């Protein structure tokens, strides 16, 4: 039996959607017919480039800059997406902040900033999807986790805690949404991505490990399968895309 994914009639919000994995996901959603709203943090040039790759602003593609750490900003994201594309039925939570620092040097403010973007942001966006989803529609939420939440690394306790929290949040959302909203978590492994200037690059450090380095497209394919309405029986799961680096 064969089938083709058909996301026509669906509108998606992709946070962290202006580059790398998030942009690959947005491209895949659009390729399969979904209308897509990409959300970036503060980089207007990155947003402009991403929108250009998606064909530019239209009745099927839109984007904006906003911080998912704030409830009013998340409400504005959904207001924008609904006004341009219609009710949101697919949510991909990819927004993240991943600073590295020794445990003893991390301040309470730095801890909170990371947790607010990764974990609180996913909670707030999920709330909006649940609240706004039309009664006659079903929805899908895919949270992007982190391998270090399962295979911990030094100098990132705030990132690890927030990403581990996403796994629990995913299960909670799946239970809340049974029969109406599916929620799953995709955990990328070592992925070849473009880094911001000055940002650490753990991928480069692992290239000599003998294991393959993944692509953003590999992660996007996993996310797309969980966004597909045809997979209505898959919810509350954590899917690892890591080339065998972690096998639960």
C-alpha atoms as a PDB file:
ATOM      1  CA  UNK A   1       0.000   0.000   0.000  1.00  0.00           C
ATOM      2  CA  UNK A   2       1.278   3.465  -0.854  1.00  0.00           C
ATOM      3  CA  UNK A   3       0.069   6.917  -0.025  1.00  0.00           C
ATOM      4  CA  UNK A   4       1.162  10.497  -0.517  1.00  0.00           C
ATOM      5  CA  UNK A   5       1.192  12.929   2.359  1.00  0.00           C
ATOM      6  CA  UNK A   6      -1.417  15.614   1.731  1.00  0.00           C
ATOM      7  CA  UNK A   7      -1.347  18.635   4.042  1.00  0.00           C
ATOM      8  CA  UNK A   8      -3.557  20.844   1.920  1.00  0.00           C
ATOM      9  CA  UNK A   9      -6.055  22.637   4.136  1.00  0.00           C
ATOM     10  CA  UNK A  10      -3.626  22.704   7.065  1.00  0.00           C
ATOM     11  CA  UNK A  11      -1.821  25.740   8.460  1.00  0.00           C
ATOM     12  CA  UNK A  12       1.399  25.336  10.436  1.00  0.00           C
ATOM     13  CA  UNK A  13       3.416  27.487  12.818  1.00  0.00           C
ATOM     14  CA  UNK A  14       7.123  26.632  12.996  1.00  0.00           C
ATOM     15  CA  UNK A  15       9.054  28.407  15.739  1.00  0.00           C
ATOM     16  CA  UNK A  16      12.781  28.545  15.177  1.00  0.00           C
ATOM     17  CA  UNK A  17      11.845  28.276  11.529  1.00  0.00           C
ATOM     18  CA  UNK A  18      14.279  30.677   9.889  1.00  0.00           C
ATOM     19  CA  UNK A  19      17.300  28.388   9.505  1.00  0.00           C
ATOM     20  CA  UNK A  20      18.640  24.831   9.656  1.00  0.00           C
ATOM     21  CA  UNK A  21      16.206  22.180  10.940  1.00  0.00           C
ATOM     22  CA  UNK A  22      13.314  24.580  11.396  1.00  0.00           C
ATOM     23  CA  UNK A  23      13.579  25.898   7.854  1.00  0.00           C
ATOM     24  CA  UNK A  24      13.870  22.381   6.424  1.00  0.00           C
ATOM     25  CA  UNK A  25      10.675  21.464   8.272  1.00  0.00           C
ATOM     26  CA  UNK A  26       8.905  24.548   6.940  1.00  0.00           C
ATOM     27  CA  UNK A  27      10.001  23.690   3.405  1.00  0.00           C
ATOM     28  CA  UNK A  28       8.741  20.131   3.794  1.00  0.00           C
ATOM     29  CA  UNK A  29       5.381  21.251   5.143  1.00  0.00           C
ATOM     30  CA  UNK A  30       4.973  23.681   2.272  1.00  0.00           C
ATOM     31  CA  UNK A  31       6.020  21.041  -0.272  1.00  0.00           C
ATOM     32  CA  UNK A  32       3.207  18.808   0.925  1.00  0.00           C
ATOM     33  CA  UNK A  33       0.603  21.549   0.682  1.00  0.00           C
ATOM     34  CA  UNK A  34       0.455  23.158   4.130  1.00  0.00           C
ATOM     35  CA  UNK A  35       0.329  26.893   4.586  1.00  0.00           C
ATOM     36  CA  UNK A  36       3.280  27.897   6.765  1.00  0.00           C
ATOM     37  CA  UNK A  37       4.112  30.650   9.239  1.00  0.00           C
ATOM     38  CA  UNK A  38       7.766  30.707  10.294  1.00  0.00           C
ATOM     39  CA  UNK A  39       8.828  32.436  13.499  1.00  0.00           C
ATOM     40  CA  UNK A  40      12.313  33.768  14.173  1.00  0.00           C
ATOM     41  CA  UNK A  41      13.873  35.415  17.197  1.00  0.00           C
ATOM     42  CA  UNK A  42      15.616  38.694  16.439  1.00  0.00           C
ATOM     43  CA  UNK A  43      17.385  38.223  13.087  1.00  0.00           C
ATOM     44  CA  UNK A  44      15.416  40.035  10.388  1.00  0.00           C
ATOM     45  CA  UNK A  45      17.921  39.100   7.672  1.00  0.00           C
ATOM     46  CA  UNK A  46      17.538  35.399   8.491  1.00  0.00           C
ATOM     47  CA  UNK A  47      13.757  35.742   8.359  1.00  0.00           C
ATOM     48  CA  UNK A  48      13.934  37.501   5.000  1.00  0.00           C
ATOM     49  CA  UNK A  49      16.200  34.778   3.561  1.00  0.00           C
ATOM     50  CA  UNK A  50      13.943  32.032   4.853  1.00  0.00           C
ATOM     51  CA  UNK A  51      10.823  33.621   3.415  1.00  0.00           C
ATOM     52  CA  UNK A  52      12.594  33.954   0.074  1.00  0.00           C
ATOM     53  CA  UNK A  53      13.409  30.217   0.099  1.00  0.00           C
ATOM     54  CA  UNK A  54       9.744  29.493   0.757  1.00  0.00           C
ATOM     55  CA  UNK A  55       8.674  31.615  -2.192  1.00  0.00           C
ATOM     56  CA  UNK A  56       8.058  34.902  -0.385  1.00  0.00           C
ATOM     57  CA  UNK A  57       5.136  36.282   1.585  1.00  0.00           C
ATOM     58  CA  UNK A  58       1.850  35.086   0.111  1.00  0.00           C
ATOM     59  CA  UNK A  59      -1.483  33.607   1.099  1.00  0.00           C
ATOM     60  CA  UNK A  60       0.415  30.372   1.788  1.00  0.00           C
ATOM     61  CA  UNK A  61       3.613  31.641   3.443  1.00  0.00           C
ATOM     62  CA  UNK A  62       4.226  34.239   6.110  1.00  0.00           C
ATOM     63  CA  UNK A  63       6.651  34.940   8.922  1.00  0.00           C
ATOM     64  CA  UNK A  64       7.492  37.221  11.815  1.00  0.00           C
ATOM     65  CA  UNK A  65       9.980  37.841  14.604  1.00  0.00           C
ATOM     66  CA  UNK A  66       8.761  37.154  18.133  1.00  0.00           C
ATOM     67  CA  UNK A  67       9.964  35.709  21.427  1.00  0.00           C
ATOM     68  CA  UNK A  68       8.002  32.629  22.472  1.00  0.00           C
ATOM     69  CA  UNK A  69       9.044  33.303  26.072  1.00  0.00           C
ATOM     70  CA  UNK A  70       6.245  35.858  26.438  1.00  0.00           C
ATOM     71  CA  UNK A  71       2.547  35.065  26.423  1.00  0.00           C
ATOM     72  CA  UNK A  72       1.534  38.253  24.608  1.00  0.00           C
ATOM     73  CA  UNK A  73       4.085  37.529  21.866  1.00  0.00           C
ATOM     74  CA  UNK A  74       2.800  33.985  21.422  1.00  0.00           C
ATOM     75  CA  UNK A  75      -0.744  35.281  21.153  1.00  0.00           C
ATOM     76  CA  UNK A  76       0.484  37.699  18.484  1.00  0.00           C
ATOM     77  CA  UNK A  77       2.102  34.823  16.564  1.00  0.00           C
ATOM     78  CA  UNK A  78      -1.191  32.961  16.386  1.00  0.00           C
ATOM     79  CA  UNK A  79      -3.141  36.134  15.587  1.00  0.00           C
ATOM     80  CA  UNK A  80      -0.764  36.755  12.681  1.00  0.00           C
ATOM     81  CA  UNK A  81      -0.892  33.165  11.412  1.00  0.00           C
ATOM     82  CA  UNK A  82      -4.682  32.962  11.620  1.00  0.00           C
ATOM     83  CA  UNK A  83      -5.164  36.285   9.858  1.00  0.00           C
ATOM     84  CA  UNK A  84      -2.860  35.311   6.980  1.00  0.00           C
ATOM     85  CA  UNK A  85      -3.325  31.535   6.718  1.00  0.00           C
ATOM     86  CA  UNK A  86      -6.382  30.422   8.670  1.00  0.00           C
ATOM     87  CA  UNK A  87      -6.665  28.337  11.866  1.00  0.00           C
ATOM     88  CA  UNK A  88      -3.429  26.656  12.932  1.00  0.00           C
ATOM     89  CA  UNK A  89      -3.591  22.855  12.993  1.00  0.00           C
ATOM     90  CA  UNK A  90       0.130  21.984  13.031  1.00  0.00           C
ATOM     91  CA  UNK A  91       2.631  23.361  15.540  1.00  0.00           C
ATOM     92  CA  UNK A  92       6.375  22.693  15.468  1.00  0.00           C
ATOM     93  CA  UNK A  93       8.259  23.953  18.506  1.00  0.00           C
ATOM     94  CA  UNK A  94      11.847  24.475  17.418  1.00  0.00           C
ATOM     95  CA  UNK A  95      12.734  27.755  19.126  1.00  0.00           C
ATOM     96  CA  UNK A  96      15.734  27.311  21.399  1.00  0.00           C
ATOM     97  CA  UNK A  97      18.590  29.035  23.157  1.00  0.00           C
ATOM     98  CA  UNK A  98      21.702  26.876  23.645  1.00  0.00           C
ATOM     99  CA  UNK A  99      24.455  28.814  25.447  1.00  0.00           C
ATOM    100  CA  UNK A 100      27.327  26.836  26.951  1.00  0.00           C
ATOM    101  CA  UNK A 101      28.879  27.756  30.307  1.00  0.00           C
ATOM    102  CA  UNK A 102      30.275  25.958  33.354  1.00  0.00           C
ATOM    103  CA  UNK A 103      27.613  25.033  35.891  1.00  0.00           C
ATOM    104  CA  UNK A 104      29.064  27.294  38.582  1.00  0.00           C
ATOM    105  CA  UNK A 105      29.066  30.325  36.279  1.00  0.00           C
ATOM    106  CA  UNK A 106      25.455  30.170  35.090  1.00  0.00           C
ATOM    107  CA  UNK A 107      23.322  32.877  36.666  1.00  0.00           C
ATOM    108  CA  UNK A 108      19.681  32.520  37.633  1.00  0.00           C
ATOM    109  CA  UNK A 109      18.805  34.966  34.857  1.00  0.00           C
ATOM    110  CA  UNK A 110      20.677  32.904  32.250  1.00  0.00           C
ATOM    111  CA  UNK A 111      18.988  29.720  33.495  1.00  0.00           C
ATOM    112  CA  UNK A 112      15.561  31.327  33.264  1.00  0.00           C
ATOM    113  CA  UNK A 113      16.163  32.745  29.783  1.00  0.00           C
ATOM    114  CA  UNK A 114      16.943  29.288  28.391  1.00  0.00           C
ATOM    115  CA  UNK A 115      14.032  27.567  30.140  1.00  0.00           C
ATOM    116  CA  UNK A 116      11.644  30.326  29.074  1.00  0.00           C
ATOM    117  CA  UNK A 117      12.458  29.929  25.379  1.00  0.00           C
ATOM    118  CA  UNK A 118      12.706  26.138  25.142  1.00  0.00           C
ATOM    119  CA  UNK A 119      10.163  24.857  27.648  1.00  0.00           C
ATOM    120  CA  UNK A 120       7.853  27.702  28.588  1.00  0.00           C
ATOM    121  CA  UNK A 121       7.671  28.727  24.949  1.00  0.00           C
ATOM    122  CA  UNK A 122       6.491  25.253  23.932  1.00  0.00           C
ATOM    123  CA  UNK A 123       3.894  25.319  26.711  1.00  0.00           C
ATOM    124  CA  UNK A 124       2.562  28.724  25.643  1.00  0.00           C
ATOM    125  CA  UNK A 125       2.345  27.864  21.944  1.00  0.00           C
ATOM    126  CA  UNK A 126       0.635  24.557  22.728  1.00  0.00           C
ATOM    127  CA  UNK A 127      -1.900  26.406  24.867  1.00  0.00           C
ATOM    128  CA  UNK A 128      -2.755  28.642  21.938  1.00  0.00           C
ATOM    129  CA  UNK A 129      -3.212  25.716  19.560  1.00  0.00           C
ATOM    130  CA  UNK A 130      -5.499  23.935  22.029  1.00  0.00           C
ATOM    131  CA  UNK A 131      -7.523  27.081  22.685  1.00  0.00           C
ATOM    132  CA  UNK A 132      -7.919  28.116  19.060  1.00  0.00           C
ATOM    133  CA  UNK A 133      -8.267  24.794  17.235  1.00  0.00           C
ATOM    134  CA  UNK A 134     -11.719  24.648  15.631  1.00  0.00           C
ATOM    135  CA  UNK A 135     -14.009  22.051  17.179  1.00  0.00           C
ATOM    136  CA  UNK A 136     -14.261  20.142  13.897  1.00  0.00           C
ATOM    137  CA  UNK A 137     -10.493  19.909  13.326  1.00  0.00           C
ATOM    138  CA  UNK A 138      -7.667  17.767  14.689  1.00  0.00           C
ATOM    139  CA  UNK A 139      -4.189  19.074  15.405  1.00  0.00           C
ATOM    140  CA  UNK A 140      -0.590  17.933  15.689  1.00  0.00           C
ATOM    141  CA  UNK A 141       2.228  19.261  17.878  1.00  0.00           C
ATOM    142  CA  UNK A 142       5.857  18.252  17.345  1.00  0.00           C
ATOM    143  CA  UNK A 143       8.435  19.414  19.888  1.00  0.00           C
ATOM    144  CA  UNK A 144      12.112  19.358  18.942  1.00  0.00           C
ATOM    145  CA  UNK A 145      14.100  17.836  21.792  1.00  0.00           C
ATOM    146  CA  UNK A 146      17.835  17.567  22.316  1.00  0.00           C
ATOM    147  CA  UNK A 147      20.181  14.589  22.423  1.00  0.00           C
ATOM    148  CA  UNK A 148      22.002  16.018  25.441  1.00  0.00           C
ATOM    149  CA  UNK A 149      18.813  15.544  27.469  1.00  0.00           C
ATOM    150  CA  UNK A 150      19.354  11.790  27.021  1.00  0.00           C
ATOM    151  CA  UNK A 151      23.151  11.680  26.782  1.00  0.00           C
ATOM    152  CA  UNK A 152      24.189  14.613  29.014  1.00  0.00           C
ATOM    153  CA  UNK A 153      27.098  16.900  28.227  1.00  0.00           C
ATOM    154  CA  UNK A 154      28.942  19.352  30.434  1.00  0.00           C
ATOM    155  CA  UNK A 155      28.407  23.122  30.433  1.00  0.00           C
ATOM    156  CA  UNK A 156      24.743  23.082  29.462  1.00  0.00           C
ATOM    157  CA  UNK A 157      22.604  22.091  32.479  1.00  0.00           C
ATOM    158  CA  UNK A 158      19.973  24.714  31.665  1.00  0.00           C
ATOM    159  CA  UNK A 159      19.612  23.479  28.070  1.00  0.00           C
ATOM    160  CA  UNK A 160      19.524  19.823  29.158  1.00  0.00           C
ATOM    161  CA  UNK A 161      16.898  20.474  31.835  1.00  0.00           C
ATOM    162  CA  UNK A 162      14.679  22.392  29.424  1.00  0.00           C
ATOM    163  CA  UNK A 163      14.983  19.808  26.639  1.00  0.00           C
ATOM    164  CA  UNK A 164      14.293  16.967  29.088  1.00  0.00           C
ATOM    165  CA  UNK A 165      11.236  18.884  30.214  1.00  0.00           C
ATOM    166  CA  UNK A 166       9.975  18.880  26.631  1.00  0.00           C
ATOM    167  CA  UNK A 167       9.685  15.081  26.759  1.00  0.00           C
ATOM    168  CA  UNK A 168       7.429  15.284  29.798  1.00  0.00           C
ATOM    169  CA  UNK A 169       5.445  18.165  28.338  1.00  0.00           C
ATOM    170  CA  UNK A 170       4.928  16.171  25.146  1.00  0.00           C
ATOM    171  CA  UNK A 171       3.365  13.303  27.093  1.00  0.00           C
ATOM    172  CA  UNK A 172       1.158  15.688  29.035  1.00  0.00           C
ATOM    173  CA  UNK A 173      -0.048  17.348  25.831  1.00  0.00           C
ATOM    174  CA  UNK A 174      -0.720  13.964  24.243  1.00  0.00           C
ATOM    175  CA  UNK A 175      -2.866  12.935  27.181  1.00  0.00           C
ATOM    176  CA  UNK A 176      -4.735  16.249  27.227  1.00  0.00           C
ATOM    177  CA  UNK A 177      -5.361  16.007  23.510  1.00  0.00           C
ATOM    178  CA  UNK A 178      -6.406  12.361  23.105  1.00  0.00           C
ATOM    179  CA  UNK A 179      -8.664  12.066  20.081  1.00  0.00           C
ATOM    180  CA  UNK A 180      -8.117  15.670  19.038  1.00  0.00           C
ATOM    181  CA  UNK A 181      -4.508  16.867  19.301  1.00  0.00           C
ATOM    182  CA  UNK A 182      -1.531  14.541  18.849  1.00  0.00           C
ATOM    183  CA  UNK A 183       1.775  15.513  20.443  1.00  0.00           C
ATOM    184  CA  UNK A 184       5.169  13.948  19.782  1.00  0.00           C
ATOM    185  CA  UNK A 185       8.811  14.838  20.318  1.00  0.00           C
ATOM    186  CA  UNK A 186      11.601  14.463  17.737  1.00  0.00           C
ATOM    187  CA  UNK A 187      15.145  14.455  19.105  1.00  0.00           C
ATOM    188  CA  UNK A 188      17.885  15.309  16.583  1.00  0.00           C
ATOM    189  CA  UNK A 189      21.330  13.844  17.052  1.00  0.00           C
ATOM    190  CA  UNK A 190      24.498  15.311  15.576  1.00  0.00           C
ATOM    191  CA  UNK A 191      23.223  17.425  12.696  1.00  0.00           C
ATOM    192  CA  UNK A 192      25.226  19.480  10.212  1.00  0.00           C
ATOM    193  CA  UNK A 193      23.878  22.995  10.736  1.00  0.00           C
ATOM    194  CA  UNK A 194      24.901  26.580  10.106  1.00  0.00           C
ATOM    195  CA  UNK A 195      25.983  28.221  13.366  1.00  0.00           C
ATOM    196  CA  UNK A 196      25.749  31.863  14.306  1.00  0.00           C
ATOM    197  CA  UNK A 197      29.067  33.750  14.653  1.00  0.00           C
ATOM    198  CA  UNK A 198      30.685  32.890  17.963  1.00  0.00           C
ATOM    199  CA  UNK A 199      28.280  30.015  18.667  1.00  0.00           C
ATOM    200  CA  UNK A 200      29.851  26.740  19.776  1.00  0.00           C
ATOM    201  CA  UNK A 201      29.733  23.885  17.286  1.00  0.00           C
ATOM    202  CA  UNK A 202      29.589  20.472  18.987  1.00  0.00           C
ATOM    203  CA  UNK A 203      28.879  18.868  15.605  1.00  0.00           C
ATOM    204  CA  UNK A 204      32.380  19.720  14.405  1.00  0.00           C
ATOM    205  CA  UNK A 205      33.838  18.099  17.514  1.00  0.00           C
ATOM    206  CA  UNK A 206      32.016  14.825  16.854  1.00  0.00           C
ATOM    207  CA  UNK A 207      32.786  14.445  13.159  1.00  0.00           C
ATOM    208  CA  UNK A 208      35.745  12.200  13.914  1.00  0.00           C
ATOM    209  CA  UNK A 209      33.703   9.764  15.989  1.00  0.00           C
ATOM    210  CA  UNK A 210      33.140   7.392  13.065  1.00  0.00           C
ATOM    211  CA  UNK A 211      29.363   7.836  13.167  1.00  0.00           C
ATOM    212  CA  UNK A 212      27.558   9.691  10.388  1.00  0.00           C
ATOM    213  CA  UNK A 213      26.501  13.297  10.806  1.00  0.00           C
ATOM    214  CA  UNK A 214      22.842  13.882  10.000  1.00  0.00           C
ATOM    215  CA  UNK A 215      21.115  16.543   7.939  1.00  0.00           C
ATOM    216  CA  UNK A 216      18.316  18.946   8.676  1.00  0.00           C
ATOM    217  CA  UNK A 217      16.290  17.189   5.986  1.00  0.00           C
ATOM    218  CA  UNK A 218      16.561  13.865   7.860  1.00  0.00           C
ATOM    219  CA  UNK A 219      15.026  15.462  10.929  1.00  0.00           C
ATOM    220  CA  UNK A 220      12.399  17.222   8.820  1.00  0.00           C
ATOM    221  CA  UNK A 221      11.252  13.921   7.325  1.00  0.00           C
ATOM    222  CA  UNK A 222      10.647  12.533  10.820  1.00  0.00           C
ATOM    223  CA  UNK A 223       8.724  15.633  11.834  1.00  0.00           C
ATOM    224  CA  UNK A 224       6.612  15.539   8.686  1.00  0.00           C
ATOM    225  CA  UNK A 225       5.586  11.953   9.320  1.00  0.00           C
ATOM    226  CA  UNK A 226       4.251  13.005  12.730  1.00  0.00           C
ATOM    227  CA  UNK A 227       2.447  16.013  11.270  1.00  0.00           C
ATOM    228  CA  UNK A 228       0.629  13.813   8.763  1.00  0.00           C
ATOM    229  CA  UNK A 229      -3.065  13.424   9.705  1.00  0.00           C
ATOM    230  CA  UNK A 230      -2.859   9.858   8.370  1.00  0.00           C
ATOM    231  CA  UNK A 231      -0.704   8.976  11.410  1.00  0.00           C
ATOM    232  CA  UNK A 232      -3.530   9.645  13.832  1.00  0.00           C
ATOM    233  CA  UNK A 233      -2.591   6.749  16.144  1.00  0.00           C
ATOM    234  CA  UNK A 234       0.915   7.991  16.977  1.00  0.00           C
ATOM    235  CA  UNK A 235       0.998  10.307  19.985  1.00  0.00           C
ATOM    236  CA  UNK A 236       2.999  10.851  23.147  1.00  0.00           C
ATOM    237  CA  UNK A 237       6.135   9.393  21.587  1.00  0.00           C
ATOM    238  CA  UNK A 238       9.774  10.496  21.503  1.00  0.00           C
ATOM    239  CA  UNK A 239      11.499   9.705  18.210  1.00  0.00           C
ATOM    240  CA  UNK A 240      15.296   9.861  18.042  1.00  0.00           C
ATOM    241  CA  UNK A 241      16.999  10.784  14.754  1.00  0.00           C
ATOM    242  CA  UNK A 242      20.641  10.359  15.689  1.00  0.00           C
ATOM    243  CA  UNK A 243      22.477   7.771  13.586  1.00  0.00           C
ATOM    244  CA  UNK A 244      22.610   5.356  16.512  1.00  0.00           C
ATOM    245  CA  UNK A 245      24.245   7.686  19.021  1.00  0.00           C
ATOM    246  CA  UNK A 246      21.498   6.911  21.536  1.00  0.00           C
ATOM    247  CA  UNK A 247      19.319   3.791  21.515  1.00  0.00           C
ATOM    248  CA  UNK A 248      16.674   3.846  24.275  1.00  0.00           C
END
